[in-house]
Each structure stands twice: as C-alpha cells, then as structure tokens.
Amino acid sequence: MAKFSRHHTNSERFGKCQICLGYIPIEYYFAIGDEINCFECGTVYFIDSKNPVKLRMSDLFIEDDRFSEMSFED
C-alpha cells in the first residue's frame, strides 16, 4: 500500500481575493514571491506565505481604456 506524503495531500490551497471575494488556487509548485491573478476579476497578487496562505495585492494599476474615453458633460 502506497503512502501519501504531506506534499501530495495538500497539493492545492486557496487564497481569497480582496476585490471580488473569489477563491484563488495556490498550487504546490508556486513559490513565495510568485505573481498570481484572480480568475474572476483579474487582480494581481504576490504570494507572501504558503502555510498559511497570505497574498499581497500588487501596487500596479492598469488603466481601463473603456472608461478613459467616456465624457461626462452636461
């Protein structure tokens, strides 16, 4: 009978997005400092810790072109 190591039993952990509150899977091959994206809203995070999972939101701001073209004139 084969034994599973702790590495294989916890192969996937989850972080939580601060914007949309969606779950972000943290795979076993991600390292501390890696950049990951939320699948729901696209927010960029950096992994600060894997056990327990701690994510830090990126300071990068990507301007959305759809709203920059809108004009709000009376």
Protein backbone atom coordinates (compact mmCIF):
# COMPACT_ATOMS: atom_id res chain seq x y z
CA MET A 1 0.00 0.00 0.00
CA ALA A 2 1.44 3.34 -1.04
CA LYS A 3 1.77 6.23 1.37
CA PHE A 4 0.96 9.80 0.50
CA SER A 5 3.35 12.40 1.75
CA ARG A 6 2.14 15.67 3.19
CA HIS A 7 3.28 17.31 -0.03
CA HIS A 8 0.70 15.40 -2.07
CA THR A 9 -2.20 15.59 0.38
CA ASN A 10 -2.21 19.41 0.41
CA SER A 11 -1.50 19.84 -3.28
CA GLU A 12 -3.86 22.78 -3.60
CA ARG A 13 -4.66 25.57 -1.16
CA PHE A 14 -6.77 28.65 -1.68
CA GLY A 15 -6.36 32.37 -1.08
CA LYS A 16 -9.25 34.82 -1.17
CA CYS A 17 -9.48 37.83 -3.47
CA GLN A 18 -9.98 41.13 -1.65
CA ILE A 19 -11.92 42.64 -4.54
CA CYS A 20 -14.43 40.00 -5.69
CA LEU A 21 -14.08 37.56 -2.74
CA GLY A 22 -13.38 34.70 -5.14
CA TYR A 23 -11.06 31.83 -4.25
CA ILE A 24 -7.59 31.73 -5.81
CA PRO A 25 -5.96 28.27 -6.00
CA ILE A 26 -2.35 28.14 -4.77
CA GLU A 27 -0.72 25.12 -6.40
CA TYR A 28 2.20 23.27 -4.79
CA TYR A 29 4.67 24.47 -7.44
CA PHE A 30 4.11 28.18 -6.72
CA ALA A 31 6.91 29.79 -4.70
CA ILE A 32 6.89 32.69 -2.27
CA GLY A 33 7.13 35.91 -4.28
CA ASP A 34 5.37 34.49 -7.36
CA GLU A 35 2.76 36.63 -9.08
CA ILE A 36 -0.74 35.15 -9.49
CA ASN A 37 -4.01 36.51 -10.86
CA CYS A 38 -7.57 36.17 -9.63
CA PHE A 39 -9.57 34.22 -12.22
CA GLU A 40 -12.76 36.18 -11.52
CA CYS A 41 -11.65 39.83 -11.65
CA GLY A 42 -8.02 39.73 -12.80
CA THR A 43 -6.50 41.37 -9.71
CA VAL A 44 -2.76 40.67 -9.41
CA TYR A 45 -1.38 39.25 -6.14
CA PHE A 46 2.03 38.21 -4.81
CA ILE A 47 2.41 35.16 -2.57
CA ASP A 48 3.85 36.20 0.81
CA SER A 49 3.33 32.86 2.58
CA LYS A 50 2.08 29.41 1.60
CA ASN A 51 1.31 27.96 5.01
CA PRO A 52 -0.94 29.72 5.97
CA VAL A 53 -1.75 31.30 2.61
CA LYS A 54 -1.10 35.06 2.63
CA LEU A 55 -1.49 37.13 -0.51
CA ARG A 56 -0.41 40.74 -1.06
CA MET A 57 -2.19 42.83 -3.66
CA SER A 58 0.05 44.28 -6.35
CA ASP A 59 0.57 48.04 -6.45
CA LEU A 60 0.35 48.05 -10.25
CA PHE A 61 -2.57 49.99 -11.67
CA ILE A 62 -3.76 49.13 -15.14
CA GLU A 63 -5.95 51.81 -16.66
CA ASP A 64 -9.11 50.58 -18.32
CA ASP A 65 -9.44 52.23 -21.74
CA ARG A 66 -13.22 51.85 -21.82
CA PHE A 67 -13.70 54.47 -19.11
CA SER A 68 -10.97 56.88 -20.19
CA GLU A 69 -12.82 57.56 -23.46
CA MET A 70 -16.10 58.43 -21.76
CA SER A 71 -17.03 62.07 -21.42
CA PHE A 72 -19.35 63.23 -18.65
CA GLU A 73 -20.51 66.62 -19.91
CA ASP A 74 -23.85 68.28 -19.22
